[in-house]
Protein backbone atom coordinates (compact mmCIF):
# COMPACT_ATOMS: atom_id res chain seq x y z
CA MET A 1 66.57 138.81 218.87
CA THR A 2 63.30 137.55 220.35
CA ARG A 3 62.58 133.86 220.12
CA ASN A 4 59.71 132.58 218.01
CA ASP A 5 58.14 129.23 217.10
CA ARG A 6 61.13 128.10 215.03
CA CYS A 7 63.87 125.99 216.58
CA PRO A 8 66.78 128.14 217.82
CA LEU A 9 69.20 125.36 216.83
CA CYS A 10 68.17 124.62 213.23
CA GLY A 11 65.45 127.15 212.35
CA PHE A 12 62.93 124.44 211.44
CA GLU A 13 59.23 124.53 212.33
CA THR A 14 58.26 123.01 215.68
CA ASP A 15 55.23 121.69 217.59
CA SER A 16 53.70 123.01 220.81
CA VAL A 17 54.00 120.78 223.87
CA LEU A 18 52.86 122.96 226.78
CA GLN A 19 51.54 126.49 227.36
CA LEU A 20 52.35 128.15 230.67
CA HIS A 21 51.12 131.32 232.34
CA PHE A 22 52.96 133.41 234.95
CA ASN A 23 52.72 136.80 236.62
CA LYS A 24 54.68 139.82 235.47
CA LYS A 25 58.35 139.66 236.46
CA MET A 26 60.64 142.34 235.06
CA ARG A 27 60.59 141.80 231.27
CA LEU A 28 60.50 138.01 231.26
CA PRO A 29 57.75 136.39 229.16
CA SER A 30 54.46 135.91 231.03
CA ASP A 31 53.08 133.25 228.70
CA PRO A 32 56.00 131.01 227.72
CA GLU A 33 55.30 128.14 225.38
CA ILE A 34 57.30 124.89 225.40
CA ARG A 35 57.89 123.66 221.86
CA HIS A 36 59.53 120.57 220.35
CA CYS A 37 61.94 120.24 217.46
CA ALA A 38 61.85 116.69 216.13
CA SER A 39 64.92 117.21 213.96
CA ASP A 40 67.16 118.13 216.90
CA ASN A 41 65.35 116.14 219.61
CA PHE A 42 65.10 119.37 221.57
CA LEU A 43 62.58 121.29 223.71
CA PHE A 44 62.69 125.06 224.13
CA VAL A 45 60.75 128.10 225.34
CA ALA A 46 59.52 129.97 222.26
CA ASN A 47 59.44 133.42 223.88
CA GLY A 48 61.87 135.92 225.36
CA ALA A 49 64.86 138.05 224.41
CA GLN A 50 68.42 137.64 225.68
CA PRO A 51 68.86 141.25 226.98
CA ASP A 52 65.80 140.83 229.21
CA TYR A 53 67.20 137.62 230.67
CA ASP A 54 70.64 139.22 231.13
CA GLU A 55 69.02 142.01 233.13
CA TYR A 56 67.16 139.50 235.29
CA TYR A 57 70.21 137.36 236.10
CA LYS A 58 72.36 140.37 236.98
CA SER A 59 69.90 141.15 239.76
CA LEU A 60 69.46 137.58 241.02
CA ALA A 61 71.47 135.61 243.57
CA ASN A 62 70.87 132.35 241.70
CA ASP A 63 73.08 129.85 243.51
CA SER A 64 71.08 129.38 246.72
CA VAL A 65 70.53 125.65 246.25
CA HIS A 66 74.16 124.91 247.17
CA GLY A 67 73.75 126.74 250.47
CA GLU A 68 70.47 125.01 251.27
CA VAL A 69 71.90 121.55 250.59
CA SER A 70 75.22 122.17 252.38
CA GLY A 71 73.59 123.54 255.54
CA GLY A 72 76.16 126.32 255.88
CA ASP A 73 79.25 124.21 255.13
CA PRO A 74 81.59 126.11 252.75
CA ARG A 75 81.89 122.94 250.67
CA SER A 76 78.83 121.96 248.67
CA PRO A 77 77.81 118.26 248.51
CA ILE A 78 76.59 118.96 244.99
CA SER A 79 79.99 120.20 243.83
CA ILE A 80 81.86 117.42 245.63
CA MET A 81 79.78 114.94 243.65
CA GLN A 82 80.17 116.94 240.43
CA ALA A 83 83.97 117.10 240.75
CA ALA A 84 84.11 113.37 241.51
CA ARG A 85 82.54 112.72 238.10
CA LEU A 86 84.21 115.44 236.08
CA VAL A 87 87.81 114.64 237.03
CA PRO A 88 87.72 110.99 235.82
CA LEU A 89 86.03 112.17 232.61
CA LEU A 90 89.08 114.39 231.97
CA GLY A 91 91.52 111.45 232.29
CA ASP A 92 95.14 112.63 232.71
CA PHE A 93 94.24 116.27 231.99
CA PHE A 94 95.50 117.60 235.35
CA GLN A 95 98.82 115.75 235.23
CA GLN A 96 100.29 119.09 234.15
CA PRO A 97 99.39 122.64 235.27
CA ARG A 98 96.26 123.93 233.55
CA ASN A 99 94.38 127.18 233.13
CA VAL A 100 90.68 126.61 233.80
CA LEU A 101 87.65 128.91 233.49
CA ASP A 102 84.23 128.28 235.03
CA PHE A 103 81.77 130.53 233.17
CA GLY A 104 78.65 131.05 235.27
CA CYS A 105 80.39 129.83 238.42
CA GLY A 106 77.79 131.08 240.92
CA GLU A 107 79.42 130.92 244.34
CA ALA A 108 82.41 129.07 242.81
CA CYS A 109 81.50 125.84 244.59
CA LEU A 110 82.89 123.57 241.88
CA LEU A 111 86.05 125.64 241.53
CA VAL A 112 86.68 125.31 245.27
CA GLU A 113 86.78 121.53 244.86
CA LEU A 114 89.02 121.60 241.79
CA ALA A 115 91.40 124.25 243.12
CA SER A 116 91.80 122.28 246.35
CA GLN A 117 92.62 119.08 244.48
CA PHE A 118 94.98 120.60 241.89
CA PRO A 119 97.05 123.37 243.49
CA SER A 120 99.45 123.63 240.51
CA SER A 121 96.63 124.67 238.17
CA SER A 122 94.94 128.07 237.96
CA PHE A 123 91.17 128.45 238.25
CA VAL A 124 89.13 131.51 237.30
CA GLY A 125 85.39 131.97 237.72
CA PHE A 126 82.90 134.42 236.29
CA ASP A 127 79.25 134.99 237.14
CA PRO A 128 77.06 137.98 236.19
CA GLY A 129 75.02 137.88 239.40
CA PRO A 130 75.58 138.77 243.06
CA ALA A 131 76.69 135.20 243.86
CA ALA A 132 80.11 135.98 242.37
CA ARG A 133 81.00 138.12 245.39
CA ILE A 134 80.32 135.18 247.69
CA GLY A 135 82.54 133.00 245.52
CA SER A 136 85.40 135.46 245.78
CA GLN A 137 85.01 135.69 249.57
CA LYS A 138 84.93 131.90 249.82
CA ALA A 139 88.22 131.56 247.92
CA ASP A 140 89.88 134.10 250.22
CA ALA A 141 88.53 132.46 253.37
CA LEU A 142 89.83 129.04 252.29
CA GLY A 143 93.21 130.44 251.31
CA LEU A 144 92.97 129.18 247.72
CA ARG A 145 95.53 131.33 245.96
CA ASN A 146 95.02 129.48 242.68
CA LEU A 147 91.36 130.51 242.52
CA ALA A 148 89.97 133.92 241.56
CA VAL A 149 86.55 135.24 240.56
CA ALA A 150 86.86 137.95 237.92
CA GLU A 151 84.90 140.31 235.67
CA LEU A 152 84.09 139.44 232.06
CA ASN A 153 86.84 141.58 230.53
CA SER A 154 89.40 140.07 232.88
CA ILE A 155 88.53 136.48 232.03
CA VAL A 156 88.82 137.17 228.31
CA ASP A 157 92.25 138.76 228.83
CA GLY A 158 93.23 135.88 231.14
CA GLY A 159 93.01 133.28 228.38
CA PRO A 160 93.71 131.12 226.60
CA TYR A 161 92.21 128.37 228.73
CA ASP A 162 92.84 124.65 228.58
CA LEU A 163 89.37 123.89 229.90
CA ILE A 164 86.15 125.90 230.09
CA ILE A 165 83.37 124.66 232.37
CA VAL A 166 79.81 125.77 231.66
CA SER A 167 77.70 124.17 234.38
CA HIS A 168 73.93 124.70 234.37
CA VAL A 169 74.17 127.79 232.20
CA LEU A 170 73.17 126.82 228.65
CA GLU A 171 69.65 125.85 229.70
CA HIS A 172 69.13 129.54 230.57
CA LEU A 173 70.36 131.10 227.30
CA ILE A 174 68.08 132.50 224.62
CA GLU A 175 71.09 133.02 222.32
CA PHE A 176 74.16 130.78 222.07
CA ASP A 177 76.84 133.24 220.94
CA LEU A 178 78.80 132.53 224.12
CA LEU A 179 79.95 129.30 222.50
CA ARG A 180 81.76 131.40 219.89
CA LEU A 181 83.56 133.25 222.68
CA PHE A 182 84.55 129.95 224.29
CA GLU A 183 86.02 128.71 221.02
CA GLU A 184 88.06 131.91 220.73
CA ILE A 185 89.58 131.85 224.23
CA LEU A 186 90.36 128.12 224.37
CA THR A 187 93.78 126.75 223.52
CA GLU A 188 94.23 124.90 220.22
CA ASN A 189 93.31 121.54 221.76
CA GLY A 190 91.16 122.98 224.53
CA LEU A 191 88.25 121.21 226.19
CA LEU A 192 84.72 122.39 226.90
CA TYR A 193 82.64 120.73 229.61
CA VAL A 194 78.92 121.48 229.52
CA GLU A 195 76.46 120.32 232.17
CA VAL A 196 72.70 120.79 231.96
CA PRO A 197 69.58 119.21 233.49
CA ASP A 198 69.00 115.76 232.06
CA ALA A 199 65.62 116.27 230.42
CA LEU A 200 65.21 112.59 229.63
CA GLN A 201 65.14 111.87 233.37
CA TYR A 202 62.34 114.29 234.29
CA PRO A 203 59.81 111.44 234.64
CA GLU A 204 62.14 109.61 237.06
CA ARG A 205 63.05 112.62 239.23
CA HIS A 206 59.88 114.32 240.39
CA ARG A 207 60.01 117.51 242.43
CA GLN A 208 57.49 118.63 245.04
CA GLU A 209 56.39 121.49 242.78
CA PHE A 210 53.92 120.80 239.98
CA LEU A 211 55.60 120.72 236.53
CA TYR A 212 58.76 122.05 238.18
CA TYR A 213 61.06 121.46 235.21
CA PHE A 214 59.04 123.64 232.82
CA ASP A 215 59.20 127.37 233.47
CA ARG A 216 60.39 130.61 231.87
CA LEU A 217 63.95 130.40 233.22
CA HIS A 218 64.92 126.98 231.87
CA VAL A 219 64.46 127.97 228.24
CA ASN A 220 66.30 124.96 226.75
CA HIS A 221 65.83 121.26 227.48
CA PHE A 222 68.70 119.31 225.96
CA THR A 223 69.45 115.74 225.04
CA ALA A 224 72.99 114.61 224.27
CA GLN A 225 71.87 114.60 220.64
CA SER A 226 70.76 118.24 220.60
CA MET A 227 73.77 119.37 222.65
CA SER A 228 76.15 117.74 220.18
CA LYS A 229 74.46 119.47 217.25
CA LEU A 230 74.61 122.85 218.98
CA ALA A 231 78.30 122.48 219.92
CA ALA A 232 79.21 121.40 216.38
CA ARG A 233 77.93 124.72 215.02
CA PHE A 234 80.70 126.44 216.97
CA GLY A 235 83.54 124.05 216.18
CA PHE A 236 83.29 121.53 219.02
CA GLY A 237 83.13 117.77 218.67
CA ALA A 238 81.67 115.49 221.35
CA LEU A 239 84.23 113.33 223.16
CA SER A 240 82.31 111.71 226.03
CA GLN A 241 79.34 112.15 228.34
CA LEU A 242 78.04 111.23 231.78
CA GLU A 243 74.72 111.16 233.59
CA TYR A 244 74.25 111.42 237.35
CA ALA A 245 71.92 112.92 239.96
CA PHE A 246 72.89 115.30 242.76
CA PRO A 247 71.12 116.03 246.08
CA TYR A 248 68.49 118.74 245.91
CA ARG A 249 66.77 121.09 248.36
CA ASP A 250 63.58 119.01 248.51
CA GLY A 251 65.38 115.88 249.71
CA GLY A 252 65.30 114.20 246.30
CA GLU A 253 67.88 114.10 243.52
CA TYR A 254 68.24 116.34 240.50
CA PRO A 255 69.20 114.74 237.14
CA ALA A 256 72.24 116.08 235.29
CA LEU A 257 73.78 115.46 231.88
CA GLY A 258 77.45 116.30 231.37
CA MET A 259 79.23 116.38 228.00
CA LEU A 260 82.90 116.89 227.19
CA PHE A 261 83.77 118.51 223.86
CA GLY A 262 87.07 119.11 222.09
CA LYS A 263 87.82 122.27 220.15
CA GLY A 264 88.27 121.48 216.48
CA LYS A 265 87.26 117.86 216.90
CA PRO A 266 85.05 116.34 214.19
CA PHE A 267 81.29 116.17 214.68
CA ARG A 268 80.15 112.91 216.22
CA ASP A 269 76.50 112.10 215.61
CA VAL A 270 74.92 111.22 218.96
CA SER A 271 71.57 109.46 219.20
CA SER A 272 69.26 109.97 222.18
CA PRO A 273 65.81 108.69 223.18
CA SER A 274 62.86 110.94 222.35
CA ILE A 275 62.71 114.03 224.56
CA ARG A 276 59.10 114.59 223.53
CA SER A 277 58.09 111.17 224.80
CA ALA A 278 59.88 111.88 228.09
CA ALA A 279 58.17 115.28 228.39
CA GLU A 280 54.71 113.93 227.65
CA LEU A 281 55.17 111.13 230.18
CA TYR A 282 56.35 113.63 232.80
CA ILE A 283 53.40 115.95 232.15
CA ALA A 284 50.92 113.05 232.37
CA GLN A 285 52.48 111.85 235.64
CA GLU A 286 52.35 115.36 237.08
CA LYS A 287 48.67 115.76 236.23
CA GLN A 288 47.88 112.42 237.85
CA ARG A 289 49.81 113.46 240.95
CA ALA A 290 48.00 116.80 240.96
CA ARG A 291 44.60 115.10 240.95
CA ALA A 292 45.60 113.14 244.05
CA GLU A 293 46.73 116.35 245.80
CA SER A 294 43.56 118.20 244.81
CA ALA A 295 41.44 115.36 246.23
CA LYS A 296 43.05 115.95 249.63
CA PHE A 297 41.94 119.59 249.56
CA ALA A 298 38.32 118.56 248.90
CA ALA A 299 38.04 117.36 252.50
CA TYR A 300 38.21 120.97 253.74
CA ASP A 301 35.89 123.98 253.40
CA GLY A 302 38.75 125.87 251.78
CA ILE A 303 42.52 126.27 251.71
CA LEU A 304 45.02 129.04 252.38
CA VAL A 305 47.69 129.25 249.68
CA TRP A 306 50.97 130.88 250.72
CA GLY A 307 52.96 132.23 247.80
CA ALA A 308 51.90 134.05 244.64
CA GLY A 309 54.97 133.41 242.51
CA ASP A 310 55.67 131.16 239.55
CA ASN A 311 54.89 127.90 241.35
CA PHE A 312 51.46 129.23 242.31
CA TYR A 313 50.66 130.12 238.71
CA ARG A 314 51.99 126.81 237.43
CA SER A 315 49.83 124.93 239.97
CA SER A 316 46.73 126.86 238.94
CA VAL A 317 46.64 125.86 235.24
CA ASN A 318 47.22 122.76 233.09
CA GLY A 319 45.41 120.49 235.53
CA GLY A 320 47.58 121.57 238.46
CA PRO A 321 46.59 120.83 242.08
CA LEU A 322 45.02 124.29 242.49
CA SER A 323 43.25 124.34 239.12
CA ASP A 324 39.82 123.27 240.40
CA VAL A 325 39.88 124.27 244.08
CA PRO A 326 36.60 126.19 244.53
CA ASN A 327 37.46 128.09 247.70
CA MET A 328 40.96 129.37 248.38
CA ILE A 329 42.62 132.48 249.70
CA VAL A 330 46.02 133.47 248.38
CA MET A 331 48.49 134.84 250.93
CA ASP A 332 51.54 136.96 250.18
CA ARG A 333 53.39 139.65 252.09
CA ARG A 334 53.17 141.89 249.03
CA PRO A 335 49.57 143.06 248.45
CA GLN A 336 48.60 142.36 244.87
CA GLU A 337 45.73 141.39 242.61
CA ILE A 338 46.03 138.12 240.72
CA VAL A 339 44.01 137.16 237.66
CA ILE A 340 44.25 133.62 236.24
CA GLY A 341 41.69 133.00 233.53
CA GLN A 342 38.30 133.79 235.02
CA ARG A 343 39.58 133.69 238.60
CA ARG A 344 40.58 136.79 240.53
CA PHE A 345 42.38 136.91 243.90
CA VAL A 346 43.45 139.75 246.16
CA THR A 347 46.28 138.54 248.40
CA GLU A 348 46.02 138.69 252.19
CA ASN A 349 48.71 138.94 254.85
CA PRO A 350 49.72 135.34 255.77
CA GLU A 351 49.71 135.73 259.54
CA GLU A 352 46.35 137.48 259.59
CA ALA A 353 44.71 134.95 257.30
CA ILE A 354 46.07 131.95 259.22
CA ARG A 355 44.78 133.36 262.50
CA ARG A 356 41.39 134.17 260.98
CA LEU A 357 40.65 130.87 259.22
CA PRO A 358 41.28 127.24 260.32
CA TRP A 359 41.90 125.95 256.80
CA PRO A 360 45.07 124.03 255.87
CA VAL A 361 47.97 125.99 254.41
CA VAL A 362 49.30 125.04 250.97
CA VAL A 363 52.85 126.34 250.44
CA THR A 364 53.72 127.03 246.80
CA VAL A 365 57.26 128.46 247.10
CA SER A 366 60.48 126.51 246.47
CA GLU A 367 63.07 128.36 248.52
CA GLY A 368 62.70 128.77 252.27
CA ARG A 369 60.01 126.12 252.78
CA LYS A 370 61.47 125.11 256.13
CA SER A 371 61.31 128.70 257.37
CA MET A 372 57.70 129.07 256.25
CA SER A 373 56.73 125.82 257.97
CA GLU A 374 58.25 127.12 261.20
CA GLN A 375 56.30 130.38 260.88
CA ILE A 376 53.04 128.48 260.40
CA GLU A 377 53.82 126.26 263.41
CA ARG A 378 54.44 129.30 265.60
CA ILE A 379 51.01 130.67 264.70
CA ASP A 380 49.20 127.35 264.99
CA PRO A 381 51.16 124.20 265.94
CA GLU A 382 48.27 121.98 264.85
CA ARG A 383 47.77 123.52 261.41
CA LYS A 384 47.88 121.11 258.48
CA VAL A 385 50.47 122.06 255.86
CA PHE A 386 50.75 120.83 252.25
CA PHE A 387 53.48 121.57 249.70
CA VAL A 388 52.87 121.81 245.93
């Protein structure tokens, strides 16, 4: 089923908050629209179909942030912090041996922490992408015999589970039928822990990239209120919640909301501040910040922009820092033509363009920024570099 303007939680009519535009990437939507459901206090992307997203994530190694933050250490600072908050939330849960599933485990960073702390319990991870192989290798290298990364059929057969962890997964789902599966493979009094980005904290946790939190991959923006309503549809009642922020690749902190649910527990109505107000404040702050960045570019005859991916497109519309730059050349190692509104660009090879023109370089990619800075410095140690 393809999403439309109606809320995927309640089916009610919604209001538009933000229109985005991106380049073609597999079968993901190119013009996602962020919409708001007042009834559920919920923001969502009103485009896209689940099979197209499934195909994308199967091909993507999507857990790179742990590696960037850990600097090569097999233990992730993010997961150390996450485990330090999850375990107290569970109370005396691990006082007896448990069977735990992490659905969407990535490189199994959180499971490494839990399996190390609770050797009498069994931990199983599943991830549809290539990161799962790294998780399995990590468990073997650390000698964690109570940790395994398995295929989907194996994890279903390996139930029932006392606890299912779904960490930074639900914000990527067009459809929510997975929650029905979780209810089926949990024990009678099983627990479900869900962690998602804390959308109410977007205005407090800015990223270097313009409008970073709104894209075509994060298709749901939850509050505790909307999460509770969603979980209740599948037989889960809210027990408790936590908010924290973990270290991120840009040197700042990323906001997270965690909620613990009990299978078969009664619905508990949870009230949250307005997500629309938080989103509108964040968008206004980002546009103000973008104007300041754009003013810096005005001091030069032109700029060289390295990167033609989603961040470039996001920075080129909605009052982004590249929206009104009159003279810029877009650099990318893949030759391509880019059309944004009335503007047309043909990408140039980065090294050739940097050697040819003395303009500052504006980097618009998220991953590998350090590596790109080093490449620019090797070409021209004095070159001015900006990040958006």
